[in-house]
Protein backbone atom coordinates (compact mmCIF):
# COMPACT_ATOMS: atom_id res chain seq x y z
CA UNK A 1 0.00 0.00 0.00
CA UNK A 2 2.86 2.35 0.86
CA UNK A 3 4.46 1.75 -2.54
CA UNK A 4 1.24 2.74 -4.32
CA UNK A 5 1.19 6.11 -2.57
CA UNK A 6 4.90 6.68 -3.18
CA UNK A 7 4.50 5.87 -6.87
CA UNK A 8 1.47 8.15 -7.17
CA UNK A 9 3.29 10.99 -5.39
CA UNK A 10 6.31 10.53 -7.65
CA UNK A 11 4.12 10.65 -10.75
CA UNK A 12 2.42 13.87 -9.61
CA UNK A 13 5.77 15.41 -8.71
CA UNK A 14 7.21 14.57 -12.16
CA UNK A 15 4.13 16.02 -13.87
CA UNK A 16 4.35 19.25 -11.86
CA UNK A 17 8.09 19.54 -12.49
CA UNK A 18 7.42 19.26 -16.21
CA UNK A 19 5.28 22.41 -16.23
CA UNK A 20 6.82 25.70 -17.37
CA UNK A 21 8.48 28.40 -15.28
CA UNK A 22 5.69 30.80 -16.21
CA UNK A 23 3.08 28.39 -14.85
CA UNK A 24 4.97 28.17 -11.57
CA UNK A 25 5.06 31.95 -11.23
CA UNK A 26 1.31 32.16 -11.93
CA UNK A 27 0.58 29.50 -9.29
CA UNK A 28 2.75 31.33 -6.75
CA UNK A 29 0.93 34.58 -7.58
CA UNK A 30 -2.40 32.88 -6.94
CA UNK A 31 -1.00 31.84 -3.57
CA UNK A 32 -0.72 35.51 -2.58
CA UNK A 33 -4.30 36.11 -3.72
CA UNK A 34 -5.58 33.20 -1.63
CA UNK A 35 -3.73 34.48 1.46
CA UNK A 36 -5.33 37.92 1.05
CA UNK A 37 -8.77 36.39 0.57
CA UNK A 38 -8.39 34.08 3.56
CA UNK A 39 -7.73 36.93 5.95
CA UNK A 40 -10.26 39.25 4.29
CA UNK A 41 -12.90 36.57 4.91
CA UNK A 42 -12.45 37.16 8.65
CA UNK A 43 -13.87 40.67 8.22
CA UNK A 44 -17.12 39.52 6.62
CA UNK A 45 -20.33 40.13 8.59
CA UNK A 46 -21.32 36.45 8.79
CA UNK A 47 -21.39 33.91 11.59
CA UNK A 48 -18.17 32.85 13.23
CA UNK A 49 -18.57 29.28 12.01
CA UNK A 50 -18.84 30.40 8.38
CA UNK A 51 -15.87 32.76 8.78
CA UNK A 52 -13.83 29.91 10.21
CA UNK A 53 -14.83 27.57 7.40
CA UNK A 54 -14.02 30.18 4.75
CA UNK A 55 -10.66 30.88 6.35
CA UNK A 56 -9.88 27.17 6.54
CA UNK A 57 -10.70 26.54 2.87
CA UNK A 58 -8.96 29.66 1.51
CA UNK A 59 -5.88 29.19 3.69
CA UNK A 60 -5.69 25.58 2.53
CA UNK A 61 -5.87 26.75 -1.08
CA UNK A 62 -3.07 29.23 -0.37
CA UNK A 63 -0.82 26.55 1.09
CA UNK A 64 -1.61 24.17 -1.77
CA UNK A 65 -0.78 26.86 -4.33
CA UNK A 66 2.40 27.75 -2.44
CA UNK A 67 3.79 24.24 -2.34
CA UNK A 68 2.53 23.41 -5.82
CA UNK A 69 4.24 26.51 -7.21
CA UNK A 70 7.47 25.61 -5.47
CA UNK A 71 7.30 22.08 -6.88
CA UNK A 72 6.71 23.47 -10.37
CA UNK A 73 9.57 25.97 -10.14
CA UNK A 74 12.13 23.72 -8.56
CA UNK A 75 15.46 24.94 -7.19
CA UNK A 76 16.57 26.78 -10.32
CA UNK A 77 13.21 28.51 -10.73
CA UNK A 78 13.26 29.71 -7.13
CA UNK A 79 16.72 31.16 -7.76
CA UNK A 80 15.37 33.01 -10.82
CA UNK A 81 12.44 34.42 -8.84
CA UNK A 82 14.76 35.53 -6.00
CA UNK A 83 16.95 37.26 -8.56
CA UNK A 84 13.93 39.32 -9.68
CA UNK A 85 13.53 40.62 -6.14
CA UNK A 86 17.23 41.37 -5.75
CA UNK A 87 17.96 38.56 -3.31
CA UNK A 88 20.85 36.22 -3.89
PDB file of N, CA and C in Angstrom:
ATOM      1  N   UNK A   1       0.822  -1.184   0.000  1.00  0.00           N
ATOM      2  CA  UNK A   1       0.000   0.000   0.000  1.00  0.00           C
ATOM      3  C   UNK A   1       0.868   1.251   0.000  1.00  0.00           C
ATOM      4  N   UNK A   2       1.950   1.205   0.764  1.00  0.00           N
ATOM      5  CA  UNK A   2       2.855   2.345   0.856  1.00  0.00           C
ATOM      6  C   UNK A   2       3.500   2.632  -0.501  1.00  0.00           C
ATOM      7  N   UNK A   3       3.837   1.579  -1.225  1.00  0.00           N
ATOM      8  CA  UNK A   3       4.456   1.745  -2.539  1.00  0.00           C
ATOM      9  C   UNK A   3       3.511   2.412  -3.526  1.00  0.00           C
ATOM     10  N   UNK A   4       2.228   2.127  -3.417  1.00  0.00           N
ATOM     11  CA  UNK A   4       1.242   2.735  -4.318  1.00  0.00           C
ATOM     12  C   UNK A   4       1.225   4.249  -4.123  1.00  0.00           C
ATOM     13  N   UNK A   5       1.207   4.673  -2.850  1.00  0.00           N
ATOM     14  CA  UNK A   5       1.192   6.106  -2.566  1.00  0.00           C
ATOM     15  C   UNK A   5       2.498   6.770  -2.993  1.00  0.00           C
ATOM     16  N   UNK A   6       3.617   6.103  -2.772  1.00  0.00           N
ATOM     17  CA  UNK A   6       4.897   6.677  -3.179  1.00  0.00           C
ATOM     18  C   UNK A   6       4.985   6.801  -4.698  1.00  0.00           C
ATOM     19  N   UNK A   7       4.501   5.797  -5.415  1.00  0.00           N
ATOM     20  CA  UNK A   7       4.505   5.870  -6.875  1.00  0.00           C
ATOM     21  C   UNK A   7       3.576   6.971  -7.381  1.00  0.00           C
ATOM     22  N   UNK A   8       2.413   7.106  -6.764  1.00  0.00           N
ATOM     23  CA  UNK A   8       1.468   8.153  -7.167  1.00  0.00           C
ATOM     24  C   UNK A   8       2.056   9.533  -6.885  1.00  0.00           C
ATOM     25  N   UNK A   9       2.670   9.714  -5.712  1.00  0.00           N
ATOM     26  CA  UNK A   9       3.286  10.993  -5.387  1.00  0.00           C
ATOM     27  C   UNK A   9       4.417  11.311  -6.351  1.00  0.00           C
ATOM     28  N   UNK A  10       5.215  10.323  -6.695  1.00  0.00           N
ATOM     29  CA  UNK A  10       6.306  10.525  -7.651  1.00  0.00           C
ATOM     30  C   UNK A  10       5.793  10.928  -9.024  1.00  0.00           C
ATOM     31  N   UNK A  11       4.690  10.314  -9.452  1.00  0.00           N
ATOM     32  CA  UNK A  11       4.116  10.653 -10.754  1.00  0.00           C
ATOM     33  C   UNK A  11       3.589  12.083 -10.773  1.00  0.00           C
ATOM     34  N   UNK A  12       2.923  12.497  -9.695  1.00  0.00           N
ATOM     35  CA  UNK A  12       2.416  13.868  -9.613  1.00  0.00           C
ATOM     36  C   UNK A  12       3.573  14.856  -9.562  1.00  0.00           C
ATOM     37  N   UNK A  13       4.606  14.529  -8.811  1.00  0.00           N
ATOM     38  CA  UNK A  13       5.770  15.408  -8.711  1.00  0.00           C
ATOM     39  C   UNK A  13       6.457  15.562 -10.068  1.00  0.00           C
ATOM     40  N   UNK A  14       6.595  14.484 -10.822  1.00  0.00           N
ATOM     41  CA  UNK A  14       7.207  14.566 -12.158  1.00  0.00           C
ATOM     42  C   UNK A  14       6.347  15.399 -13.103  1.00  0.00           C
ATOM     43  N   UNK A  15       5.022  15.248 -13.003  1.00  0.00           N
ATOM     44  CA  UNK A  15       4.132  16.017 -13.870  1.00  0.00           C
ATOM     45  C   UNK A  15       4.238  17.510 -13.549  1.00  0.00           C
ATOM     46  N   UNK A  16       4.237  17.847 -12.257  1.00  0.00           N
ATOM     47  CA  UNK A  16       4.348  19.254 -11.860  1.00  0.00           C
ATOM     48  C   UNK A  16       5.697  19.836 -12.262  1.00  0.00           C
ATOM     49  N   UNK A  17       6.758  19.062 -12.121  1.00  0.00           N
ATOM     50  CA  UNK A  17       8.093  19.544 -12.486  1.00  0.00           C
ATOM     51  C   UNK A  17       8.214  19.762 -13.992  1.00  0.00           C
ATOM     52  N   UNK A  18       7.384  19.104 -14.766  1.00  0.00           N
ATOM     53  CA  UNK A  18       7.418  19.263 -16.210  1.00  0.00           C
ATOM     54  C   UNK A  18       6.705  20.506 -16.709  1.00  0.00           C
ATOM     55  N   UNK A  19       5.969  21.198 -15.822  1.00  0.00           N
ATOM     56  CA  UNK A  19       5.278  22.415 -16.231  1.00  0.00           C
ATOM     57  C   UNK A  19       6.277  23.562 -16.353  1.00  0.00           C
ATOM     58  N   UNK A  20       5.888  24.621 -17.051  1.00  0.00           N
ATOM     59  CA  UNK A  20       6.822  25.702 -17.367  1.00  0.00           C
ATOM     60  C   UNK A  20       7.059  26.629 -16.174  1.00  0.00           C
ATOM     61  N   UNK A  21       8.127  27.413 -16.288  1.00  0.00           N
ATOM     62  CA  UNK A  21       8.480  28.404 -15.282  1.00  0.00           C
ATOM     63  C   UNK A  21       7.349  29.410 -15.122  1.00  0.00           C
ATOM     64  N   UNK A  22       6.769  29.825 -16.237  1.00  0.00           N
ATOM     65  CA  UNK A  22       5.685  30.801 -16.206  1.00  0.00           C
ATOM     66  C   UNK A  22       4.483  30.264 -15.413  1.00  0.00           C
ATOM     67  N   UNK A  23       4.173  29.004 -15.597  1.00  0.00           N
ATOM     68  CA  UNK A  23       3.077  28.387 -14.850  1.00  0.00           C
ATOM     69  C   UNK A  23       3.362  28.415 -13.356  1.00  0.00           C
ATOM     70  N   UNK A  24       4.592  28.130 -12.982  1.00  0.00           N
ATOM     71  CA  UNK A  24       4.969  28.168 -11.572  1.00  0.00           C
ATOM     72  C   UNK A  24       4.813  29.549 -10.963  1.00  0.00           C
ATOM     73  N   UNK A  25       5.191  30.582 -11.727  1.00  0.00           N
ATOM     74  CA  UNK A  25       5.056  31.954 -11.234  1.00  0.00           C
ATOM     75  C   UNK A  25       3.579  32.314 -11.083  1.00  0.00           C
ATOM     76  N   UNK A  26       2.748  31.879 -12.014  1.00  0.00           N
ATOM     77  CA  UNK A  26       1.312  32.155 -11.928  1.00  0.00           C
ATOM     78  C   UNK A  26       0.713  31.457 -10.714  1.00  0.00           C
ATOM     79  N   UNK A  27       1.095  30.228 -10.458  1.00  0.00           N
ATOM     80  CA  UNK A  27       0.580  29.497  -9.293  1.00  0.00           C
ATOM     81  C   UNK A  27       1.028  30.173  -8.000  1.00  0.00           C
ATOM     82  N   UNK A  28       2.286  30.626  -7.940  1.00  0.00           N
ATOM     83  CA  UNK A  28       2.749  31.330  -6.746  1.00  0.00           C
ATOM     84  C   UNK A  28       2.022  32.656  -6.571  1.00  0.00           C
ATOM     85  N   UNK A  29       1.693  33.329  -7.660  1.00  0.00           N
ATOM     86  CA  UNK A  29       0.931  34.578  -7.576  1.00  0.00           C
ATOM     87  C   UNK A  29      -0.472  34.320  -7.036  1.00  0.00           C
ATOM     88  N   UNK A  30      -1.072  33.221  -7.464  1.00  0.00           N
ATOM     89  CA  UNK A  30      -2.402  32.885  -6.945  1.00  0.00           C
ATOM     90  C   UNK A  30      -2.336  32.571  -5.452  1.00  0.00           C
ATOM     91  N   UNK A  31      -1.196  32.092  -4.997  1.00  0.00           N
ATOM     92  CA  UNK A  31      -1.004  31.835  -3.574  1.00  0.00           C
ATOM     93  C   UNK A  31      -1.180  33.125  -2.780  1.00  0.00           C
ATOM     94  N   UNK A  32      -0.595  34.218  -3.258  1.00  0.00           N
ATOM     95  CA  UNK A  32      -0.725  35.507  -2.577  1.00  0.00           C
ATOM     96  C   UNK A  32      -2.188  35.942  -2.539  1.00  0.00           C
ATOM     97  N   UNK A  33      -2.884  35.761  -3.651  1.00  0.00           N
ATOM     98  CA  UNK A  33      -4.304  36.115  -3.719  1.00  0.00           C
ATOM     99  C   UNK A  33      -5.123  35.324  -2.694  1.00  0.00           C
ATOM    100  N   UNK A  34      -4.855  34.028  -2.595  1.00  0.00           N
ATOM    101  CA  UNK A  34      -5.584  33.200  -1.627  1.00  0.00           C
ATOM    102  C   UNK A  34      -5.289  33.616  -0.186  1.00  0.00           C
ATOM    103  N   UNK A  35      -4.041  34.001   0.119  1.00  0.00           N
ATOM    104  CA  UNK A  35      -3.727  34.484   1.464  1.00  0.00           C
ATOM    105  C   UNK A  35      -4.520  35.746   1.778  1.00  0.00           C
ATOM    106  N   UNK A  36      -4.570  36.683   0.834  1.00  0.00           N
ATOM    107  CA  UNK A  36      -5.327  37.917   1.049  1.00  0.00           C
ATOM    108  C   UNK A  36      -6.803  37.610   1.268  1.00  0.00           C
ATOM    109  N   UNK A  37      -7.359  36.744   0.426  1.00  0.00           N
ATOM    110  CA  UNK A  37      -8.771  36.395   0.570  1.00  0.00           C
ATOM    111  C   UNK A  37      -9.060  35.675   1.883  1.00  0.00           C
ATOM    112  N   UNK A  38      -8.134  34.830   2.326  1.00  0.00           N
ATOM    113  CA  UNK A  38      -8.386  34.078   3.556  1.00  0.00           C
ATOM    114  C   UNK A  38      -8.483  34.999   4.761  1.00  0.00           C
ATOM    115  N   UNK A  39      -7.659  36.033   4.806  1.00  0.00           N
ATOM    116  CA  UNK A  39      -7.726  36.929   5.948  1.00  0.00           C
ATOM    117  C   UNK A  39      -8.799  37.999   5.766  1.00  0.00           C
ATOM    118  N   UNK A  40      -9.153  38.324   4.521  1.00  0.00           N
ATOM    119  CA  UNK A  40     -10.258  39.247   4.285  1.00  0.00           C
ATOM    120  C   UNK A  40     -11.592  38.592   4.656  1.00  0.00           C
ATOM    121  N   UNK A  41     -11.664  37.284   4.554  1.00  0.00           N
ATOM    122  CA  UNK A  41     -12.898  36.571   4.911  1.00  0.00           C
ATOM    123  C   UNK A  41     -13.223  36.721   6.394  1.00  0.00           C
ATOM    124  N   UNK A  42     -12.213  36.986   7.210  1.00  0.00           N
ATOM    125  CA  UNK A  42     -12.451  37.160   8.649  1.00  0.00           C
ATOM    126  C   UNK A  42     -13.197  38.453   8.949  1.00  0.00           C
ATOM    127  N   UNK A  43     -13.189  39.395   8.007  1.00  0.00           N
ATOM    128  CA  UNK A  43     -13.869  40.672   8.222  1.00  0.00           C
ATOM    129  C   UNK A  43     -15.312  40.664   7.713  1.00  0.00           C
ATOM    130  N   UNK A  44     -15.760  39.582   7.147  1.00  0.00           N
ATOM    131  CA  UNK A  44     -17.119  39.521   6.623  1.00  0.00           C
ATOM    132  C   UNK A  44     -18.143  39.488   7.760  1.00  0.00           C
ATOM    133  N   UNK A  45     -19.293  40.122   7.549  1.00  0.00           N
ATOM    134  CA  UNK A  45     -20.325  40.131   8.593  1.00  0.00           C
ATOM    135  C   UNK A  45     -21.202  38.873   8.551  1.00  0.00           C
ATOM    136  N   UNK A  46     -20.603  37.730   8.767  1.00  0.00           N
ATOM    137  CA  UNK A  46     -21.324  36.452   8.793  1.00  0.00           C
ATOM    138  C   UNK A  46     -21.003  35.760  10.107  1.00  0.00           C
ATOM    139  N   UNK A  47     -21.598  34.618  10.323  1.00  0.00           N
ATOM    140  CA  UNK A  47     -21.391  33.906  11.586  1.00  0.00           C
ATOM    141  C   UNK A  47     -19.931  33.461  11.725  1.00  0.00           C
ATOM    142  N   UNK A  48     -19.544  33.254  12.946  1.00  0.00           N
ATOM    143  CA  UNK A  48     -18.166  32.854  13.233  1.00  0.00           C
ATOM    144  C   UNK A  48     -17.844  31.491  12.619  1.00  0.00           C
ATOM    145  N   UNK A  49     -18.805  30.601  12.589  1.00  0.00           N
ATOM    146  CA  UNK A  49     -18.569  29.277  12.007  1.00  0.00           C
ATOM    147  C   UNK A  49     -18.303  29.390  10.511  1.00  0.00           C
ATOM    148  N   UNK A  50     -19.056  30.225   9.813  1.00  0.00           N
ATOM    149  CA  UNK A  50     -18.844  30.403   8.380  1.00  0.00           C
ATOM    150  C   UNK A  50     -17.523  31.100   8.110  1.00  0.00           C
ATOM    151  N   UNK A  51     -17.176  32.098   8.938  1.00  0.00           N
ATOM    152  CA  UNK A  51     -15.874  32.762   8.781  1.00  0.00           C
ATOM    153  C   UNK A  51     -14.742  31.767   8.964  1.00  0.00           C
ATOM    154  N   UNK A  52     -14.866  30.923   9.963  1.00  0.00           N
ATOM    155  CA  UNK A  52     -13.832  29.914  10.208  1.00  0.00           C
ATOM    156  C   UNK A  52     -13.716  28.924   9.063  1.00  0.00           C
ATOM    157  N   UNK A  53     -14.853  28.506   8.525  1.00  0.00           N
ATOM    158  CA  UNK A  53     -14.834  27.565   7.401  1.00  0.00           C
ATOM    159  C   UNK A  53     -14.222  28.213   6.155  1.00  0.00           C
ATOM    160  N   UNK A  54     -14.596  29.467   5.895  1.00  0.00           N
ATOM    161  CA  UNK A  54     -14.018  30.180   4.751  1.00  0.00           C
ATOM    162  C   UNK A  54     -12.513  30.334   4.903  1.00  0.00           C
ATOM    163  N   UNK A  55     -12.087  30.715   6.106  1.00  0.00           N
ATOM    164  CA  UNK A  55     -10.662  30.878   6.346  1.00  0.00           C
ATOM    165  C   UNK A  55      -9.933  29.550   6.139  1.00  0.00           C
ATOM    166  N   UNK A  56     -10.500  28.490   6.661  1.00  0.00           N
ATOM    167  CA  UNK A  56      -9.880  27.171   6.545  1.00  0.00           C
ATOM    168  C   UNK A  56      -9.708  26.768   5.083  1.00  0.00           C
ATOM    169  N   UNK A  57     -10.749  26.933   4.282  1.00  0.00           N
ATOM    170  CA  UNK A  57     -10.704  26.540   2.868  1.00  0.00           C
ATOM    171  C   UNK A  57      -9.728  27.427   2.087  1.00  0.00           C
ATOM    172  N   UNK A  58      -9.824  28.748   2.274  1.00  0.00           N
ATOM    173  CA  UNK A  58      -8.962  29.656   1.514  1.00  0.00           C
ATOM    174  C   UNK A  58      -7.507  29.547   1.939  1.00  0.00           C
ATOM    175  N   UNK A  59      -7.260  29.358   3.233  1.00  0.00           N
ATOM    176  CA  UNK A  59      -5.882  29.192   3.690  1.00  0.00           C
ATOM    177  C   UNK A  59      -5.301  27.880   3.169  1.00  0.00           C
ATOM    178  N   UNK A  60      -6.134  26.847   3.110  1.00  0.00           N
ATOM    179  CA  UNK A  60      -5.688  25.579   2.531  1.00  0.00           C
ATOM    180  C   UNK A  60      -5.362  25.723   1.055  1.00  0.00           C
ATOM    181  N   UNK A  61      -6.172  26.490   0.330  1.00  0.00           N
ATOM    182  CA  UNK A  61      -5.874  26.750  -1.084  1.00  0.00           C
ATOM    183  C   UNK A  61      -4.560  27.515  -1.233  1.00  0.00           C
ATOM    184  N   UNK A  62      -4.313  28.466  -0.325  1.00  0.00           N
ATOM    185  CA  UNK A  62      -3.074  29.234  -0.372  1.00  0.00           C
ATOM    186  C   UNK A  62      -1.863  28.335  -0.159  1.00  0.00           C
ATOM    187  N   UNK A  63      -1.938  27.465   0.824  1.00  0.00           N
ATOM    188  CA  UNK A  63      -0.822  26.553   1.088  1.00  0.00           C
ATOM    189  C   UNK A  63      -0.621  25.570  -0.065  1.00  0.00           C
ATOM    190  N   UNK A  64      -1.711  25.083  -0.633  1.00  0.00           N
ATOM    191  CA  UNK A  64      -1.607  24.171  -1.770  1.00  0.00           C
ATOM    192  C   UNK A  64      -0.960  24.866  -2.952  1.00  0.00           C
ATOM    193  N   UNK A  65      -1.369  26.102  -3.230  1.00  0.00           N
ATOM    194  CA  UNK A  65      -0.776  26.859  -4.333  1.00  0.00           C
ATOM    195  C   UNK A  65       0.693  27.161  -4.050  1.00  0.00           C
ATOM    196  N   UNK A  66       1.012  27.453  -2.796  1.00  0.00           N
ATOM    197  CA  UNK A  66       2.400  27.748  -2.443  1.00  0.00           C
ATOM    198  C   UNK A  66       3.306  26.548  -2.709  1.00  0.00           C
ATOM    199  N   UNK A  67       2.940  25.407  -2.166  1.00  0.00           N
ATOM    200  CA  UNK A  67       3.794  24.237  -2.335  1.00  0.00           C
ATOM    201  C   UNK A  67       3.753  23.700  -3.764  1.00  0.00           C
ATOM    202  N   UNK A  68       2.604  23.808  -4.423  1.00  0.00           N
ATOM    203  CA  UNK A  68       2.531  23.413  -5.823  1.00  0.00           C
ATOM    204  C   UNK A  68       3.412  24.289  -6.697  1.00  0.00           C
ATOM    205  N   UNK A  69       3.390  25.595  -6.450  1.00  0.00           N
ATOM    206  CA  UNK A  69       4.239  26.510  -7.214  1.00  0.00           C
ATOM    207  C   UNK A  69       5.707  26.237  -6.987  1.00  0.00           C
ATOM    208  N   UNK A  70       6.073  25.930  -5.749  1.00  0.00           N
ATOM    209  CA  UNK A  70       7.473  25.608  -5.471  1.00  0.00           C
ATOM    210  C   UNK A  70       7.893  24.306  -6.137  1.00  0.00           C
ATOM    211  N   UNK A  71       6.985  23.333  -6.174  1.00  0.00           N
ATOM    212  CA  UNK A  71       7.296  22.082  -6.877  1.00  0.00           C
ATOM    213  C   UNK A  71       7.464  22.313  -8.373  1.00  0.00           C
ATOM    214  N   UNK A  72       6.623  23.186  -8.943  1.00  0.00           N
ATOM    215  CA  UNK A  72       6.712  23.470 -10.372  1.00  0.00           C
ATOM    216  C   UNK A  72       8.014  24.190 -10.685  1.00  0.00           C
ATOM    217  N   UNK A  73       8.367  25.180  -9.874  1.00  0.00           N
ATOM    218  CA  UNK A  73       9.565  25.969 -10.144  1.00  0.00           C
ATOM    219  C   UNK A  73      10.844  25.176  -9.942  1.00  0.00           C
ATOM    220  N   UNK A  74      10.903  24.445  -8.870  1.00  0.00           N
ATOM    221  CA  UNK A  74      12.127  23.722  -8.562  1.00  0.00           C
ATOM    222  C   UNK A  74      13.182  24.666  -8.016  1.00  0.00           C
ATOM    223  N   UNK A  75      14.378  24.167  -7.794  1.00  0.00           N
ATOM    224  CA  UNK A  75      15.456  24.944  -7.190  1.00  0.00           C
ATOM    225  C   UNK A  75      15.902  26.073  -8.113  1.00  0.00           C
ATOM    226  N   UNK A  76      16.092  25.767  -9.382  1.00  0.00           N
ATOM    227  CA  UNK A  76      16.570  26.785 -10.319  1.00  0.00           C
ATOM    228  C   UNK A  76      15.532  27.879 -10.532  1.00  0.00           C
ATOM    229  N   UNK A  77      14.277  27.522 -10.570  1.00  0.00           N
ATOM    230  CA  UNK A  77      13.214  28.514 -10.732  1.00  0.00           C
ATOM    231  C   UNK A  77      13.112  29.436  -9.533  1.00  0.00           C
ATOM    232  N   UNK A  78      13.287  28.890  -8.333  1.00  0.00           N
ATOM    233  CA  UNK A  78      13.256  29.714  -7.129  1.00  0.00           C
ATOM    234  C   UNK A  78      14.419  30.698  -7.155  1.00  0.00           C
ATOM    235  N   UNK A  79      15.573  30.259  -7.635  1.00  0.00           N
ATOM    236  CA  UNK A  79      16.723  31.164  -7.760  1.00  0.00           C
ATOM    237  C   UNK A  79      16.417  32.292  -8.734  1.00  0.00           C
ATOM    238  N   UNK A  80      15.740  31.976  -9.844  1.00  0.00           N
ATOM    239  CA  UNK A  80      15.371  33.006 -10.815  1.00  0.00           C
ATOM    240  C   UNK A  80      14.394  34.011 -10.221  1.00  0.00           C
ATOM    241  N   UNK A  81      13.419  33.533  -9.459  1.00  0.00           N
ATOM    242  CA  UNK A  81      12.443  34.424  -8.836  1.00  0.00           C
ATOM    243  C   UNK A  81      13.132  35.305  -7.783  1.00  0.00           C
ATOM    244  N   UNK A  82      14.034  34.744  -6.996  1.00  0.00           N
ATOM    245  CA  UNK A  82      14.760  35.530  -6.004  1.00  0.00           C
ATOM    246  C   UNK A  82      15.603  36.604  -6.668  1.00  0.00           C
ATOM    247  N   UNK A  83      16.151  36.294  -7.831  1.00  0.00           N
ATOM    248  CA  UNK A  83      16.954  37.265  -8.559  1.00  0.00           C
ATOM    249  C   UNK A  83      16.115  38.465  -8.981  1.00  0.00           C
ATOM    250  N   UNK A  84      14.834  38.227  -9.321  1.00  0.00           N
ATOM    251  CA  UNK A  84      13.928  39.324  -9.680  1.00  0.00           C
ATOM    252  C   UNK A  84      13.768  40.304  -8.534  1.00  0.00           C
ATOM    253  N   UNK A  85      13.734  39.782  -7.309  1.00  0.00           N
ATOM    254  CA  UNK A  85      13.533  40.620  -6.135  1.00  0.00           C
ATOM    255  C   UNK A  85      14.832  41.118  -5.538  1.00  0.00           C
ATOM    256  N   UNK A  86      15.938  40.854  -6.206  1.00  0.00           N
ATOM    257  CA  UNK A  86      17.232  41.370  -5.745  1.00  0.00           C
ATOM    258  C   UNK A  86      17.836  40.610  -4.593  1.00  0.00           C
ATOM    259  N   UNK A  87      17.399  39.383  -4.376  1.00  0.00           N
ATOM    260  CA  UNK A  87      17.956  38.563  -3.309  1.00  0.00           C
ATOM    261  C   UNK A  87      18.807  37.471  -3.930  1.00  0.00           C
ATOM    262  N   UNK A  88      19.952  37.259  -3.358  1.00  0.00           N
ATOM    263  CA  UNK A  88      20.848  36.217  -3.888  1.00  0.00           C
ATOM    264  C   UNK A  88      20.729  34.939  -3.113  1.00  0.00           C
TER     265      UNK A  88
END
